Amino acid sequence: MDLVVFSSVGVFANVPKDVEIMIRQLREALVLYTNRQITETEINRAQTLLKLCLTAFTKKFEVSPPNFHIAMHMPESIRMFGPAHV
């Protein structure tokens, strides 16, 4: 959650532009996925943003943690069980 708060305030003083973009994509995807209600359009938007973020991360840092693969299955989970709000 600290990452979401960090990116929400727009404090990117010494953060490279490509990392800033990844953080913003991740933040928007998380916000969409954790809404109390989510539409099919929002699920698709969040999936696209998350895929862009994770692909850029993998290319930049040359690593793809297992949780990245699991995160790509969020749309199916939301369609089956509903929004992931907390």
PDB file of N, CA and C in Angstrom:
ATOM      1  N   MET A   1       0.820  -1.185   0.000  1.00  0.00           N
ATOM      2  CA  MET A   1       0.000   0.000   0.000  1.00  0.00           C
ATOM      3  C   MET A   1       0.868   1.255   0.000  1.00  0.00           C
ATOM      4  N   ASP A   2       2.080   1.184   0.563  1.00  0.00           N
ATOM      5  CA  ASP A   2       2.963   2.343   0.568  1.00  0.00           C
ATOM      6  C   ASP A   2       3.273   2.801  -0.848  1.00  0.00           C
ATOM      7  N   LEU A   3       3.400   1.862  -1.771  1.00  0.00           N
ATOM      8  CA  LEU A   3       3.675   2.200  -3.161  1.00  0.00           C
ATOM      9  C   LEU A   3       2.537   3.013  -3.754  1.00  0.00           C
ATOM     10  N   VAL A   4       1.314   2.650  -3.440  1.00  0.00           N
ATOM     11  CA  VAL A   4       0.151   3.375  -3.956  1.00  0.00           C
ATOM     12  C   VAL A   4       0.140   4.786  -3.391  1.00  0.00           C
ATOM     13  N   VAL A   5       0.396   4.927  -2.104  1.00  0.00           N
ATOM     14  CA  VAL A   5       0.421   6.249  -1.478  1.00  0.00           C
ATOM     15  C   VAL A   5       1.539   7.075  -2.081  1.00  0.00           C
ATOM     16  N   PHE A   6       2.716   6.496  -2.225  1.00  0.00           N
ATOM     17  CA  PHE A   6       3.871   7.187  -2.805  1.00  0.00           C
ATOM     18  C   PHE A   6       3.546   7.724  -4.193  1.00  0.00           C
ATOM     19  N   SER A   7       2.970   6.899  -5.032  1.00  0.00           N
ATOM     20  CA  SER A   7       2.690   7.333  -6.393  1.00  0.00           C
ATOM     21  C   SER A   7       1.509   8.290  -6.451  1.00  0.00           C
ATOM     22  N   SER A   8       0.643   8.255  -5.456  1.00  0.00           N
ATOM     23  CA  SER A   8      -0.514   9.134  -5.452  1.00  0.00           C
ATOM     24  C   SER A   8      -0.134  10.593  -5.236  1.00  0.00           C
ATOM     25  N   VAL A   9       0.887  10.835  -4.445  1.00  0.00           N
ATOM     26  CA  VAL A   9       1.258  12.209  -4.153  1.00  0.00           C
ATOM     27  C   VAL A   9       2.146  12.806  -5.232  1.00  0.00           C
ATOM     28  N   GLY A  10       2.625  11.989  -6.151  1.00  0.00           N
ATOM     29  CA  GLY A  10       3.403  12.500  -7.273  1.00  0.00           C
ATOM     30  C   GLY A  10       4.811  12.925  -6.910  1.00  0.00           C
ATOM     31  N   VAL A  11       5.424  12.263  -5.949  1.00  0.00           N
ATOM     32  CA  VAL A  11       6.782  12.598  -5.540  1.00  0.00           C
ATOM     33  C   VAL A  11       7.756  11.711  -6.307  1.00  0.00           C
ATOM     34  N   PHE A  12       8.223  12.229  -7.443  1.00  0.00           N
ATOM     35  CA  PHE A  12       9.121  11.453  -8.293  1.00  0.00           C
ATOM     36  C   PHE A  12      10.424  12.206  -8.549  1.00  0.00           C
ATOM     37  N   ALA A  13      10.955  12.884  -7.544  1.00  0.00           N
ATOM     38  CA  ALA A  13      12.113  13.749  -7.722  1.00  0.00           C
ATOM     39  C   ALA A  13      13.287  13.057  -8.404  1.00  0.00           C
ATOM     40  N   ASN A  14      13.749  11.943  -7.877  1.00  0.00           N
ATOM     41  CA  ASN A  14      14.938  11.279  -8.420  1.00  0.00           C
ATOM     42  C   ASN A  14      14.627   9.926  -9.029  1.00  0.00           C
ATOM     43  N   VAL A  15      13.389   9.727  -9.419  1.00  0.00           N
ATOM     44  CA  VAL A  15      12.977   8.451  -9.995  1.00  0.00           C
ATOM     45  C   VAL A  15      13.062   8.559 -11.518  1.00  0.00           C
ATOM     46  N   PRO A  16      13.755   7.618 -12.171  1.00  0.00           N
ATOM     47  CA  PRO A  16      13.823   7.659 -13.642  1.00  0.00           C
ATOM     48  C   PRO A  16      12.422   7.624 -14.259  1.00  0.00           C
ATOM     49  N   LYS A  17      12.269   8.267 -15.385  1.00  0.00           N
ATOM     50  CA  LYS A  17      10.969   8.399 -16.038  1.00  0.00           C
ATOM     51  C   LYS A  17      10.332   7.034 -16.307  1.00  0.00           C
ATOM     52  N   ASP A  18      11.114   6.054 -16.773  1.00  0.00           N
ATOM     53  CA  ASP A  18      10.534   4.744 -17.075  1.00  0.00           C
ATOM     54  C   ASP A  18      10.006   4.053 -15.814  1.00  0.00           C
ATOM     55  N   VAL A  19      10.690   4.248 -14.696  1.00  0.00           N
ATOM     56  CA  VAL A  19      10.221   3.676 -13.429  1.00  0.00           C
ATOM     57  C   VAL A  19       8.974   4.410 -12.955  1.00  0.00           C
ATOM     58  N   GLU A  20       8.937   5.717 -13.134  1.00  0.00           N
ATOM     59  CA  GLU A  20       7.747   6.499 -12.778  1.00  0.00           C
ATOM     60  C   GLU A  20       6.533   5.992 -13.555  1.00  0.00           C
ATOM     61  N   ILE A  21       6.708   5.721 -14.838  1.00  0.00           N
ATOM     62  CA  ILE A  21       5.608   5.212 -15.662  1.00  0.00           C
ATOM     63  C   ILE A  21       5.142   3.856 -15.153  1.00  0.00           C
ATOM     64  N   MET A  22       6.097   2.976 -14.819  1.00  0.00           N
ATOM     65  CA  MET A  22       5.728   1.657 -14.277  1.00  0.00           C
ATOM     66  C   MET A  22       4.917   1.802 -12.984  1.00  0.00           C
ATOM     67  N   ILE A  23       5.354   2.709 -12.106  1.00  0.00           N
ATOM     68  CA  ILE A  23       4.658   2.908 -10.831  1.00  0.00           C
ATOM     69  C   ILE A  23       3.244   3.426 -11.075  1.00  0.00           C
ATOM     70  N   ARG A  24       3.102   4.361 -11.997  1.00  0.00           N
ATOM     71  CA  ARG A  24       1.782   4.912 -12.295  1.00  0.00           C
ATOM     72  C   ARG A  24       0.855   3.853 -12.909  1.00  0.00           C
ATOM     73  N   GLN A  25       1.409   3.008 -13.774  1.00  0.00           N
ATOM     74  CA  GLN A  25       0.603   1.929 -14.364  1.00  0.00           C
ATOM     75  C   GLN A  25       0.160   0.947 -13.287  1.00  0.00           C
ATOM     76  N   LEU A  26       1.083   0.571 -12.419  1.00  0.00           N
ATOM     77  CA  LEU A  26       0.758  -0.348 -11.333  1.00  0.00           C
ATOM     78  C   LEU A  26      -0.287   0.258 -10.408  1.00  0.00           C
ATOM     79  N   ARG A  27      -0.106   1.530 -10.068  1.00  0.00           N
ATOM     80  CA  ARG A  27      -1.061   2.199  -9.193  1.00  0.00           C
ATOM     81  C   ARG A  27      -2.461   2.199  -9.800  1.00  0.00           C
ATOM     82  N   GLU A  28      -2.569   2.576 -11.067  1.00  0.00           N
ATOM     83  CA  GLU A  28      -3.898   2.632 -11.692  1.00  0.00           C
ATOM     84  C   GLU A  28      -4.537   1.247 -11.747  1.00  0.00           C
ATOM     85  N   ALA A  29      -3.736   0.230 -12.069  1.00  0.00           N
ATOM     86  CA  ALA A  29      -4.263  -1.140 -12.114  1.00  0.00           C
ATOM     87  C   ALA A  29      -4.770  -1.560 -10.730  1.00  0.00           C
ATOM     88  N   LEU A  30      -3.985  -1.269  -9.690  1.00  0.00           N
ATOM     89  CA  LEU A  30      -4.393  -1.635  -8.336  1.00  0.00           C
ATOM     90  C   LEU A  30      -5.663  -0.907  -7.906  1.00  0.00           C
ATOM     91  N   VAL A  31      -5.759   0.358  -8.248  1.00  0.00           N
ATOM     92  CA  VAL A  31      -6.963   1.120  -7.906  1.00  0.00           C
ATOM     93  C   VAL A  31      -8.180   0.503  -8.588  1.00  0.00           C
ATOM     94  N   LEU A  32      -8.049   0.178  -9.859  1.00  0.00           N
ATOM     95  CA  LEU A  32      -9.168  -0.432 -10.579  1.00  0.00           C
ATOM     96  C   LEU A  32      -9.538  -1.791  -9.982  1.00  0.00           C
ATOM     97  N   TYR A  33      -8.536  -2.633  -9.743  1.00  0.00           N
ATOM     98  CA  TYR A  33      -8.798  -3.979  -9.231  1.00  0.00           C
ATOM     99  C   TYR A  33      -9.410  -3.972  -7.830  1.00  0.00           C
ATOM    100  N   THR A  34      -9.139  -2.937  -7.033  1.00  0.00           N
ATOM    101  CA  THR A  34      -9.606  -2.950  -5.645  1.00  0.00           C
ATOM    102  C   THR A  34     -10.839  -2.083  -5.408  1.00  0.00           C
ATOM    103  N   ASN A  35     -11.459  -1.569  -6.461  1.00  0.00           N
ATOM    104  CA  ASN A  35     -12.725  -0.853  -6.306  1.00  0.00           C
ATOM    105  C   ASN A  35     -13.799  -1.810  -5.810  1.00  0.00           C
ATOM    106  N   ARG A  36     -14.801  -1.278  -5.155  1.00  0.00           N
ATOM    107  CA  ARG A  36     -15.905  -2.123  -4.682  1.00  0.00           C
ATOM    108  C   ARG A  36     -16.711  -2.693  -5.833  1.00  0.00           C
ATOM    109  N   GLN A  37     -16.766  -1.973  -6.945  1.00  0.00           N
ATOM    110  CA  GLN A  37     -17.429  -2.449  -8.153  1.00  0.00           C
ATOM    111  C   GLN A  37     -16.456  -2.265  -9.311  1.00  0.00           C
ATOM    112  N   ILE A  38     -16.513  -3.177 -10.268  1.00  0.00           N
ATOM    113  CA  ILE A  38     -15.615  -3.079 -11.409  1.00  0.00           C
ATOM    114  C   ILE A  38     -16.347  -3.599 -12.650  1.00  0.00           C
ATOM    115  N   THR A  39     -16.204  -2.870 -13.736  1.00  0.00           N
ATOM    116  CA  THR A  39     -16.850  -3.261 -14.984  1.00  0.00           C
ATOM    117  C   THR A  39     -15.879  -4.088 -15.822  1.00  0.00           C
ATOM    118  N   GLU A  40     -16.408  -4.716 -16.848  1.00  0.00           N
ATOM    119  CA  GLU A  40     -15.562  -5.493 -17.759  1.00  0.00           C
ATOM    120  C   GLU A  40     -14.522  -4.592 -18.427  1.00  0.00           C
ATOM    121  N   THR A  41     -14.918  -3.382 -18.769  1.00  0.00           N
ATOM    122  CA  THR A  41     -13.981  -2.420 -19.372  1.00  0.00           C
ATOM    123  C   THR A  41     -12.848  -2.096 -18.410  1.00  0.00           C
ATOM    124  N   GLU A  42     -13.176  -1.917 -17.133  1.00  0.00           N
ATOM    125  CA  GLU A  42     -12.151  -1.618 -16.128  1.00  0.00           C
ATOM    126  C   GLU A  42     -11.237  -2.818 -15.888  1.00  0.00           C
ATOM    127  N   ILE A  43     -11.793  -4.015 -15.911  1.00  0.00           N
ATOM    128  CA  ILE A  43     -10.968  -5.220 -15.779  1.00  0.00           C
ATOM    129  C   ILE A  43      -9.964  -5.278 -16.922  1.00  0.00           C
ATOM    130  N   ASN A  44     -10.432  -5.041 -18.125  1.00  0.00           N
ATOM    131  CA  ASN A  44      -9.542  -5.075 -19.297  1.00  0.00           C
ATOM    132  C   ASN A  44      -8.484  -3.984 -19.227  1.00  0.00           C
ATOM    133  N   ARG A  45      -8.874  -2.774 -18.779  1.00  0.00           N
ATOM    134  CA  ARG A  45      -7.923  -1.663 -18.648  1.00  0.00           C
ATOM    135  C   ARG A  45      -6.858  -2.009 -17.614  1.00  0.00           C
ATOM    136  N   ALA A  46      -7.274  -2.524 -16.455  1.00  0.00           N
ATOM    137  CA  ALA A  46      -6.330  -2.890 -15.401  1.00  0.00           C
ATOM    138  C   ALA A  46      -5.382  -3.989 -15.877  1.00  0.00           C
ATOM    139  N   GLN A  47      -5.913  -4.956 -16.603  1.00  0.00           N
ATOM    140  CA  GLN A  47      -5.082  -6.039 -17.121  1.00  0.00           C
ATOM    141  C   GLN A  47      -4.030  -5.497 -18.083  1.00  0.00           C
ATOM    142  N   THR A  48      -4.429  -4.591 -18.958  1.00  0.00           N
ATOM    143  CA  THR A  48      -3.493  -3.993 -19.905  1.00  0.00           C
ATOM    144  C   THR A  48      -2.410  -3.205 -19.178  1.00  0.00           C
ATOM    145  N   LEU A  49      -2.810  -2.397 -18.212  1.00  0.00           N
ATOM    146  CA  LEU A  49      -1.840  -1.603 -17.451  1.00  0.00           C
ATOM    147  C   LEU A  49      -0.862  -2.492 -16.693  1.00  0.00           C
ATOM    148  N   LEU A  50      -1.385  -3.523 -16.056  1.00  0.00           N
ATOM    149  CA  LEU A  50      -0.521  -4.424 -15.300  1.00  0.00           C
ATOM    150  C   LEU A  50       0.451  -5.142 -16.222  1.00  0.00           C
ATOM    151  N   LYS A  51      -0.021  -5.568 -17.369  1.00  0.00           N
ATOM    152  CA  LYS A  51       0.852  -6.254 -18.323  1.00  0.00           C
ATOM    153  C   LYS A  51       1.958  -5.317 -18.813  1.00  0.00           C
ATOM    154  N   LEU A  52       1.606  -4.071 -19.122  1.00  0.00           N
ATOM    155  CA  LEU A  52       2.610  -3.087 -19.549  1.00  0.00           C
ATOM    156  C   LEU A  52       3.651  -2.864 -18.460  1.00  0.00           C
ATOM    157  N   CYS A  53       3.181  -2.700 -17.233  1.00  0.00           N
ATOM    158  CA  CYS A  53       4.078  -2.476 -16.105  1.00  0.00           C
ATOM    159  C   CYS A  53       5.014  -3.654 -15.883  1.00  0.00           C
ATOM    160  N   LEU A  54       4.467  -4.844 -15.841  1.00  0.00           N
ATOM    161  CA  LEU A  54       5.281  -6.029 -15.559  1.00  0.00           C
ATOM    162  C   LEU A  54       6.246  -6.351 -16.695  1.00  0.00           C
ATOM    163  N   THR A  55       5.821  -6.107 -17.923  1.00  0.00           N
ATOM    164  CA  THR A  55       6.701  -6.326 -19.072  1.00  0.00           C
ATOM    165  C   THR A  55       7.872  -5.347 -19.028  1.00  0.00           C
ATOM    166  N   ALA A  56       7.583  -4.084 -18.758  1.00  0.00           N
ATOM    167  CA  ALA A  56       8.643  -3.070 -18.668  1.00  0.00           C
ATOM    168  C   ALA A  56       9.596  -3.383 -17.519  1.00  0.00           C
ATOM    169  N   PHE A  57       9.040  -3.813 -16.376  1.00  0.00           N
ATOM    170  CA  PHE A  57       9.866  -4.172 -15.218  1.00  0.00           C
ATOM    171  C   PHE A  57      10.812  -5.312 -15.570  1.00  0.00           C
ATOM    172  N   THR A  58      10.272  -6.337 -16.204  1.00  0.00           N
ATOM    173  CA  THR A  58      11.073  -7.509 -16.567  1.00  0.00           C
ATOM    174  C   THR A  58      12.193  -7.127 -17.531  1.00  0.00           C
ATOM    175  N   LYS A  59      11.883  -6.279 -18.501  1.00  0.00           N
ATOM    176  CA  LYS A  59      12.918  -5.847 -19.453  1.00  0.00           C
ATOM    177  C   LYS A  59      13.982  -4.994 -18.772  1.00  0.00           C
ATOM    178  N   LYS A  60      13.558  -4.075 -17.904  1.00  0.00           N
ATOM    179  CA  LYS A  60      14.499  -3.161 -17.259  1.00  0.00           C
ATOM    180  C   LYS A  60      15.409  -3.875 -16.270  1.00  0.00           C
ATOM    181  N   PHE A  61      14.840  -4.733 -15.446  1.00  0.00           N
ATOM    182  CA  PHE A  61      15.606  -5.355 -14.375  1.00  0.00           C
ATOM    183  C   PHE A  61      16.010  -6.796 -14.670  1.00  0.00           C
ATOM    184  N   GLU A  62      15.625  -7.298 -15.834  1.00  0.00           N
ATOM    185  CA  GLU A  62      15.997  -8.641 -16.298  1.00  0.00           C
ATOM    186  C   GLU A  62      15.627  -9.727 -15.292  1.00  0.00           C
ATOM    187  N   VAL A  63      14.456  -9.573 -14.699  1.00  0.00           N
ATOM    188  CA  VAL A  63      13.948 -10.564 -13.757  1.00  0.00           C
ATOM    189  C   VAL A  63      12.431 -10.546 -13.835  1.00  0.00           C
ATOM    190  N   SER A  64      11.845 -11.719 -13.663  1.00  0.00           N
ATOM    191  CA  SER A  64      10.391 -11.828 -13.659  1.00  0.00           C
ATOM    192  C   SER A  64       9.975 -12.736 -12.499  1.00  0.00           C
ATOM    193  N   PRO A  65       9.717 -12.129 -11.338  1.00  0.00           N
ATOM    194  CA  PRO A  65       9.331 -12.935 -10.169  1.00  0.00           C
ATOM    195  C   PRO A  65       8.056 -13.735 -10.419  1.00  0.00           C
ATOM    196  N   PRO A  66       7.919 -14.885  -9.758  1.00  0.00           N
ATOM    197  CA  PRO A  66       6.733 -15.734  -9.941  1.00  0.00           C
ATOM    198  C   PRO A  66       5.415 -15.011  -9.674  1.00  0.00           C
ATOM    199  N   ASN A  67       5.414 -14.049  -8.765  1.00  0.00           N
ATOM    200  CA  ASN A  67       4.177 -13.322  -8.459  1.00  0.00           C
ATOM    201  C   ASN A  67       3.676 -12.527  -9.659  1.00  0.00           C
ATOM    202  N   PHE A  68       4.565 -12.184 -10.581  1.00  0.00           N
ATOM    203  CA  PHE A  68       4.136 -11.475 -11.783  1.00  0.00           C
ATOM    204  C   PHE A  68       3.197 -12.355 -12.594  1.00  0.00           C
ATOM    205  N   HIS A  69       3.537 -13.616 -12.712  1.00  0.00           N
ATOM    206  CA  HIS A  69       2.676 -14.540 -13.452  1.00  0.00           C
ATOM    207  C   HIS A  69       1.314 -14.664 -12.764  1.00  0.00           C
ATOM    208  N   ILE A  70       1.339 -14.799 -11.460  1.00  0.00           N
ATOM    209  CA  ILE A  70       0.090 -14.918 -10.700  1.00  0.00           C
ATOM    210  C   ILE A  70      -0.763 -13.664 -10.866  1.00  0.00           C
ATOM    211  N   ALA A  71      -0.131 -12.488 -10.858  1.00  0.00           N
ATOM    212  CA  ALA A  71      -0.864 -11.223 -10.996  1.00  0.00           C
ATOM    213  C   ALA A  71      -1.601 -11.143 -12.326  1.00  0.00           C
ATOM    214  N   MET A  72      -1.082 -11.788 -13.335  1.00  0.00           N
ATOM    215  CA  MET A  72      -1.730 -11.748 -14.645  1.00  0.00           C
ATOM    216  C   MET A  72      -3.045 -12.527 -14.651  1.00  0.00           C
ATOM    217  N   HIS A  73      -3.321 -13.292 -13.602  1.00  0.00           N
ATOM    218  CA  HIS A  73      -4.567 -14.047 -13.505  1.00  0.00           C
ATOM    219  C   HIS A  73      -5.643 -13.308 -12.697  1.00  0.00           C
ATOM    220  N   MET A  74      -5.379 -12.061 -12.333  1.00  0.00           N
ATOM    221  CA  MET A  74      -6.364 -11.273 -11.585  1.00  0.00           C
ATOM    222  C   MET A  74      -7.706 -11.165 -12.306  1.00  0.00           C
ATOM    223  N   PRO A  75      -7.728 -10.927 -13.626  1.00  0.00           N
ATOM    224  CA  PRO A  75      -9.032 -10.799 -14.292  1.00  0.00           C
ATOM    225  C   PRO A  75      -9.917 -12.032 -14.118  1.00  0.00           C
ATOM    226  N   GLU A  76      -9.327 -13.220 -14.253  1.00  0.00           N
ATOM    227  CA  GLU A  76     -10.119 -14.436 -14.083  1.00  0.00           C
ATOM    228  C   GLU A  76     -10.649 -14.540 -12.659  1.00  0.00           C
ATOM    229  N   SER A  77      -9.816 -14.196 -11.679  1.00  0.00           N
ATOM    230  CA  SER A  77     -10.242 -14.257 -10.281  1.00  0.00           C
ATOM    231  C   SER A  77     -11.378 -13.277 -10.005  1.00  0.00           C
ATOM    232  N   ILE A  78     -11.263 -12.076 -10.553  1.00  0.00           N
ATOM    233  CA  ILE A  78     -12.303 -11.069 -10.335  1.00  0.00           C
ATOM    234  C   ILE A  78     -13.598 -11.484 -11.017  1.00  0.00           C
ATOM    235  N   ARG A  79     -13.488 -12.046 -12.211  1.00  0.00           N
ATOM    236  CA  ARG A  79     -14.706 -12.502 -12.904  1.00  0.00           C
ATOM    237  C   ARG A  79     -15.388 -13.636 -12.138  1.00  0.00           C
ATOM    238  N   MET A  80     -14.596 -14.491 -11.505  1.00  0.00           N
ATOM    239  CA  MET A  80     -15.158 -15.626 -10.777  1.00  0.00           C
ATOM    240  C   MET A  80     -15.676 -15.233  -9.392  1.00  0.00           C
ATOM    241  N   PHE A  81     -14.933 -14.392  -8.686  1.00  0.00           N
ATOM    242  CA  PHE A  81     -15.229 -14.134  -7.273  1.00  0.00           C
ATOM    243  C   PHE A  81     -15.637 -12.703  -6.966  1.00  0.00           C
ATOM    244  N   GLY A  82     -15.582 -11.812  -7.950  1.00  0.00           N
ATOM    245  CA  GLY A  82     -15.956 -10.420  -7.714  1.00  0.00           C
ATOM    246  C   GLY A  82     -14.759  -9.546  -7.429  1.00  0.00           C
ATOM    247  N   PRO A  83     -15.002  -8.262  -7.168  1.00  0.00           N
ATOM    248  CA  PRO A  83     -13.937  -7.295  -6.939  1.00  0.00           C
ATOM    249  C   PRO A  83     -13.016  -7.702  -5.783  1.00  0.00           C
ATOM    250  N   ALA A  84     -11.799  -7.226  -5.852  1.00  0.00           N
ATOM    251  CA  ALA A  84     -10.788  -7.571  -4.852  1.00  0.00           C
ATOM    252  C   ALA A  84     -10.655  -6.475  -3.803  1.00  0.00           C
ATOM    253  N   HIS A  85     -11.755  -5.789  -3.477  1.00  0.00           N
ATOM    254  CA  HIS A  85     -11.673  -4.706  -2.505  1.00  0.00           C
ATOM    255  C   HIS A  85     -11.375  -5.242  -1.122  1.00  0.00           C
ATOM    256  N   VAL A  86     -10.796  -4.371  -0.308  1.00  0.00           N
ATOM    257  CA  VAL A  86     -10.432  -4.766   1.065  1.00  0.00           C
ATOM    258  C   VAL A  86     -11.245  -3.992   2.069  1.00  0.00           C
TER     259      VAL A  86
END
